[in-house]
Amino acid sequence: MQLEIRPDPTEVGRARRWARSRLAGSGIEAGDPLAETLILLVSELVTNAVVHTGLPAVLRLSLPCVAAESAPVRLEVADGSGRAPVPRCAGDDATGGRGLALVDGLADRWGWSAEGAGKRIWCELDRCTAPRELGEGCGASAPPYGDLAYEAV
């Protein structure tokens, strides 16, 4: 499944809605912590593509069917910029610069690769039933975000 993204910040909301609409068919319900994490990752990676490249992008989701519960969920965003993604150290008052840190903390695996003149940034989430601690694998008993409150809309 893929969605073409225009270089427009309003596309981030459309990408979230598109991803959310595809979750139920794969057995990932809207209130599931995996769904909320996935939507947050979609938001971060699409925002990065739109804001930092100014070029169209493609969002791809690989959502294994319910029977393949051990298969990870994979999210990819490909864009036409050859610039490597660079994690930043955002100051306390900065309004941005935390996207890749969130991806690193929430995804079980992530990376990027050159693709033609552009690049593909990807991340994977293991399909666990138990919420996990930020930065830990499946099976943790603590809420996935500690005391952090957020809402993906």
C-alpha atoms as a PDB file:
ATOM      1  CA  MET A   1       0.000   0.000   0.000  1.00  0.00           C
ATOM      2  CA  GLN A   2       1.313   3.429  -0.817  1.00  0.00           C
ATOM      3  CA  LEU A   3       0.259   7.065  -0.791  1.00  0.00           C
ATOM      4  CA  GLU A   4       1.709   9.851  -2.932  1.00  0.00           C
ATOM      5  CA  ILE A   5       2.559  12.882  -0.777  1.00  0.00           C
ATOM      6  CA  ARG A   6       2.682  16.429  -2.141  1.00  0.00           C
ATOM      7  CA  PRO A   7       5.295  18.831  -0.688  1.00  0.00           C
ATOM      8  CA  ASP A   8       2.667  20.551   1.461  1.00  0.00           C
ATOM      9  CA  PRO A   9       2.428  20.455   5.289  1.00  0.00           C
ATOM     10  CA  THR A  10      -1.311  19.664   5.098  1.00  0.00           C
ATOM     11  CA  GLU A  11      -0.325  16.305   3.619  1.00  0.00           C
ATOM     12  CA  VAL A  12       0.814  15.127   7.055  1.00  0.00           C
ATOM     13  CA  GLY A  13      -2.777  14.971   8.303  1.00  0.00           C
ATOM     14  CA  ARG A  14      -3.872  13.202   5.129  1.00  0.00           C
ATOM     15  CA  ALA A  15      -1.068  10.654   5.603  1.00  0.00           C
ATOM     16  CA  ARG A  16      -2.197   9.972   9.186  1.00  0.00           C
ATOM     17  CA  ARG A  17      -5.814   9.504   8.088  1.00  0.00           C
ATOM     18  CA  TRP A  18      -4.733   7.194   5.245  1.00  0.00           C
ATOM     19  CA  ALA A  19      -2.570   5.062   7.561  1.00  0.00           C
ATOM     20  CA  ARG A  20      -5.309   4.891  10.211  1.00  0.00           C
ATOM     21  CA  SER A  21      -7.826   3.715   7.601  1.00  0.00           C
ATOM     22  CA  ARG A  22      -5.580   0.756   6.702  1.00  0.00           C
ATOM     23  CA  LEU A  23      -4.916  -0.552  10.204  1.00  0.00           C
ATOM     24  CA  ALA A  24      -8.167  -2.371  11.026  1.00  0.00           C
ATOM     25  CA  GLY A  25      -7.909  -4.723   8.026  1.00  0.00           C
ATOM     26  CA  SER A  26      -4.578  -5.942   9.346  1.00  0.00           C
ATOM     27  CA  GLY A  27      -5.907  -6.683  12.836  1.00  0.00           C
ATOM     28  CA  ILE A  28      -4.487  -3.533  14.452  1.00  0.00           C
ATOM     29  CA  GLU A  29      -7.354  -1.741  16.173  1.00  0.00           C
ATOM     30  CA  ALA A  30      -7.504   2.062  16.530  1.00  0.00           C
ATOM     31  CA  GLY A  31      -6.931   2.093  20.313  1.00  0.00           C
ATOM     32  CA  ASP A  32      -4.059  -0.399  20.156  1.00  0.00           C
ATOM     33  CA  PRO A  33      -0.732   1.082  21.359  1.00  0.00           C
ATOM     34  CA  LEU A  34       0.845  -0.250  18.150  1.00  0.00           C
ATOM     35  CA  ALA A  35      -1.626   1.811  16.102  1.00  0.00           C
ATOM     36  CA  GLU A  36      -0.911   4.976  18.078  1.00  0.00           C
ATOM     37  CA  THR A  37       2.842   4.483  17.731  1.00  0.00           C
ATOM     38  CA  LEU A  38       2.529   3.806  14.012  1.00  0.00           C
ATOM     39  CA  ILE A  39       0.470   6.962  13.450  1.00  0.00           C
ATOM     40  CA  LEU A  40       3.025   9.031  15.376  1.00  0.00           C
ATOM     41  CA  LEU A  41       5.843   7.569  13.246  1.00  0.00           C
ATOM     42  CA  VAL A  42       3.901   8.294  10.039  1.00  0.00           C
ATOM     43  CA  SER A  43       3.491  11.866  11.226  1.00  0.00           C
ATOM     44  CA  GLU A  44       7.189  12.306  12.002  1.00  0.00           C
ATOM     45  CA  LEU A  45       8.577  10.749   8.820  1.00  0.00           C
ATOM     46  CA  VAL A  46       6.118  12.468   6.489  1.00  0.00           C
ATOM     47  CA  THR A  47       6.711  15.805   8.247  1.00  0.00           C
ATOM     48  CA  ASN A  48      10.454  15.384   7.769  1.00  0.00           C
ATOM     49  CA  ALA A  49      10.018  14.629   4.072  1.00  0.00           C
ATOM     50  CA  VAL A  50       7.668  17.567   3.472  1.00  0.00           C
ATOM     51  CA  VAL A  51       9.526  20.157   5.573  1.00  0.00           C
ATOM     52  CA  HIS A  52      13.147  19.265   4.831  1.00  0.00           C
ATOM     53  CA  THR A  53      12.978  18.389   1.132  1.00  0.00           C
ATOM     54  CA  GLY A  54      10.202  20.479  -0.405  1.00  0.00           C
ATOM     55  CA  LEU A  55       9.725  17.573  -2.836  1.00  0.00           C
ATOM     56  CA  PRO A  56       6.971  14.989  -3.361  1.00  0.00           C
ATOM     57  CA  ALA A  57       7.321  11.762  -1.385  1.00  0.00           C
ATOM     58  CA  VAL A  58       5.776   8.307  -1.230  1.00  0.00           C
ATOM     59  CA  LEU A  59       4.503   6.739   2.000  1.00  0.00           C
ATOM     60  CA  ARG A  60       4.433   2.931   2.051  1.00  0.00           C
ATOM     61  CA  LEU A  61       2.963   0.662   4.714  1.00  0.00           C
ATOM     62  CA  SER A  62       3.512  -3.047   5.009  1.00  0.00           C
ATOM     63  CA  LEU A  63       0.810  -4.338   7.331  1.00  0.00           C
ATOM     64  CA  PRO A  64       0.945  -8.123   7.689  1.00  0.00           C
ATOM     65  CA  CYS A  65      -2.394  -9.889   7.885  1.00  0.00           C
ATOM     66  CA  VAL A  66      -3.830 -10.988  11.225  1.00  0.00           C
ATOM     67  CA  ALA A  67      -2.483 -14.529  10.720  1.00  0.00           C
ATOM     68  CA  ALA A  68       1.088 -13.215  10.503  1.00  0.00           C
ATOM     69  CA  GLU A  69       1.182 -11.665  13.966  1.00  0.00           C
ATOM     70  CA  SER A  70       4.907 -12.230  14.346  1.00  0.00           C
ATOM     71  CA  ALA A  71       5.730 -10.217  11.211  1.00  0.00           C
ATOM     72  CA  PRO A  72       6.722  -6.588  11.871  1.00  0.00           C
ATOM     73  CA  VAL A  73       4.800  -3.590  10.593  1.00  0.00           C
ATOM     74  CA  ARG A  74       7.016  -1.595   8.210  1.00  0.00           C
ATOM     75  CA  LEU A  75       6.700   2.078   7.340  1.00  0.00           C
ATOM     76  CA  GLU A  76       8.749   3.718   4.567  1.00  0.00           C
ATOM     77  CA  VAL A  77       8.913   7.253   3.215  1.00  0.00           C
ATOM     78  CA  ALA A  78      10.795   7.767  -0.038  1.00  0.00           C
ATOM     79  CA  ASP A  79      11.629  11.236  -1.330  1.00  0.00           C
ATOM     80  CA  GLY A  80      13.685  12.765  -4.120  1.00  0.00           C
ATOM     81  CA  SER A  81      16.309  14.427  -1.929  1.00  0.00           C
ATOM     82  CA  GLY A  82      19.715  12.792  -1.713  1.00  0.00           C
ATOM     83  CA  ARG A  83      20.431  14.544   1.606  1.00  0.00           C
ATOM     84  CA  ALA A  84      20.947  12.065   4.441  1.00  0.00           C
ATOM     85  CA  PRO A  85      18.645  12.317   7.456  1.00  0.00           C
ATOM     86  CA  VAL A  86      20.564  13.892  10.330  1.00  0.00           C
ATOM     87  CA  PRO A  87      19.336  13.582  13.920  1.00  0.00           C
ATOM     88  CA  ARG A  88      19.581  16.914  15.734  1.00  0.00           C
ATOM     89  CA  CYS A  89      19.967  17.866  19.364  1.00  0.00           C
ATOM     90  CA  ALA A  90      17.065  20.217  19.930  1.00  0.00           C
ATOM     91  CA  GLY A  91      17.258  22.715  22.762  1.00  0.00           C
ATOM     92  CA  ASP A  92      14.531  22.989  25.388  1.00  0.00           C
ATOM     93  CA  ASP A  93      12.890  25.939  23.614  1.00  0.00           C
ATOM     94  CA  ALA A  94      13.168  24.542  20.059  1.00  0.00           C
ATOM     95  CA  THR A  95       9.879  23.860  18.295  1.00  0.00           C
ATOM     96  CA  GLY A  96      11.371  21.154  16.067  1.00  0.00           C
ATOM     97  CA  GLY A  97      14.337  18.878  15.677  1.00  0.00           C
ATOM     98  CA  ARG A  98      13.099  15.890  17.653  1.00  0.00           C
ATOM     99  CA  GLY A  99      11.577  13.784  14.876  1.00  0.00           C
ATOM    100  CA  LEU A 100      14.393  11.304  14.323  1.00  0.00           C
ATOM    101  CA  ALA A 101      14.933  10.995  18.088  1.00  0.00           C
ATOM    102  CA  LEU A 102      11.280   9.966  18.389  1.00  0.00           C
ATOM    103  CA  VAL A 103      11.671   7.490  15.539  1.00  0.00           C
ATOM    104  CA  ASP A 104      14.792   6.071  17.183  1.00  0.00           C
ATOM    105  CA  GLY A 105      13.044   5.752  20.532  1.00  0.00           C
ATOM    106  CA  LEU A 106       9.740   4.330  19.327  1.00  0.00           C
ATOM    107  CA  ALA A 107      10.651   2.048  16.420  1.00  0.00           C
ATOM    108  CA  ASP A 108      12.126  -1.385  17.011  1.00  0.00           C
ATOM    109  CA  ARG A 109      14.417  -0.798  14.019  1.00  0.00           C
ATOM    110  CA  TRP A 110      14.947   2.066  11.599  1.00  0.00           C
ATOM    111  CA  GLY A 111      17.361   3.189   8.947  1.00  0.00           C
ATOM    112  CA  TRP A 112      17.679   4.769   5.543  1.00  0.00           C
ATOM    113  CA  SER A 113      19.171   4.011   2.160  1.00  0.00           C
ATOM    114  CA  ALA A 114      19.937   5.910  -1.013  1.00  0.00           C
ATOM    115  CA  GLU A 115      17.429   5.276  -3.771  1.00  0.00           C
ATOM    116  CA  GLY A 116      18.262   6.718  -7.171  1.00  0.00           C
ATOM    117  CA  ALA A 117      18.670  10.466  -6.715  1.00  0.00           C
ATOM    118  CA  GLY A 118      16.717  10.311  -3.440  1.00  0.00           C
ATOM    119  CA  LYS A 119      16.429   8.212  -0.307  1.00  0.00           C
ATOM    120  CA  ARG A 120      14.123   5.882   1.582  1.00  0.00           C
ATOM    121  CA  ILE A 121      13.721   6.158   5.363  1.00  0.00           C
ATOM    122  CA  TRP A 122      12.131   3.135   6.987  1.00  0.00           C
ATOM    123  CA  CYS A 123      11.163   1.880  10.406  1.00  0.00           C
ATOM    124  CA  GLU A 124       9.675  -1.309  11.765  1.00  0.00           C
ATOM    125  CA  LEU A 125       7.476  -2.077  14.752  1.00  0.00           C
ATOM    126  CA  ASP A 126       7.182  -5.578  16.132  1.00  0.00           C
ATOM    127  CA  ARG A 127       3.603  -6.723  16.609  1.00  0.00           C
ATOM    128  CA  CYS A 128       3.569  -7.265  20.361  1.00  0.00           C
ATOM    129  CA  THR A 129       0.459  -7.373  22.465  1.00  0.00           C
ATOM    130  CA  ALA A 130       2.101  -5.860  25.555  1.00  0.00           C
ATOM    131  CA  PRO A 131       3.028  -2.162  25.585  1.00  0.00           C
ATOM    132  CA  ARG A 132       6.761  -1.547  25.737  1.00  0.00           C
ATOM    133  CA  GLU A 133       9.063   0.884  27.472  1.00  0.00           C
ATOM    134  CA  LEU A 134      10.543   3.560  25.229  1.00  0.00           C
ATOM    135  CA  GLY A 135      13.538   1.980  23.504  1.00  0.00           C
ATOM    136  CA  GLU A 136      12.830  -1.589  24.629  1.00  0.00           C
ATOM    137  CA  GLY A 137      11.529  -4.581  22.689  1.00  0.00           C
ATOM    138  CA  CYS A 138       8.341  -6.610  23.145  1.00  0.00           C
ATOM    139  CA  GLY A 139       7.114  -7.719  26.507  1.00  0.00           C
ATOM    140  CA  ALA A 140       7.727  -4.706  28.767  1.00  0.00           C
ATOM    141  CA  SER A 141       4.941  -4.037  31.233  1.00  0.00           C
ATOM    142  CA  ALA A 142       5.233  -0.235  31.528  1.00  0.00           C
ATOM    143  CA  PRO A 143       3.239   2.167  29.308  1.00  0.00           C
ATOM    144  CA  PRO A 144       5.052   2.864  26.033  1.00  0.00           C
ATOM    145  CA  TYR A 145       5.653   6.562  26.713  1.00  0.00           C
ATOM    146  CA  GLY A 146       6.125   6.828  30.480  1.00  0.00           C
ATOM    147  CA  ASP A 147       4.617  10.136  31.621  1.00  0.00           C
ATOM    148  CA  LEU A 148       4.472  11.647  28.119  1.00  0.00           C
ATOM    149  CA  ALA A 149       0.954  12.528  26.996  1.00  0.00           C
ATOM    150  CA  TYR A 150       0.160  12.837  23.300  1.00  0.00           C
ATOM    151  CA  GLU A 151      -2.672  12.453  20.864  1.00  0.00           C
ATOM    152  CA  ALA A 152      -2.229  11.515  17.212  1.00  0.00           C
ATOM    153  CA  VAL A 153      -4.906  13.300  15.176  1.00  0.00           C
END
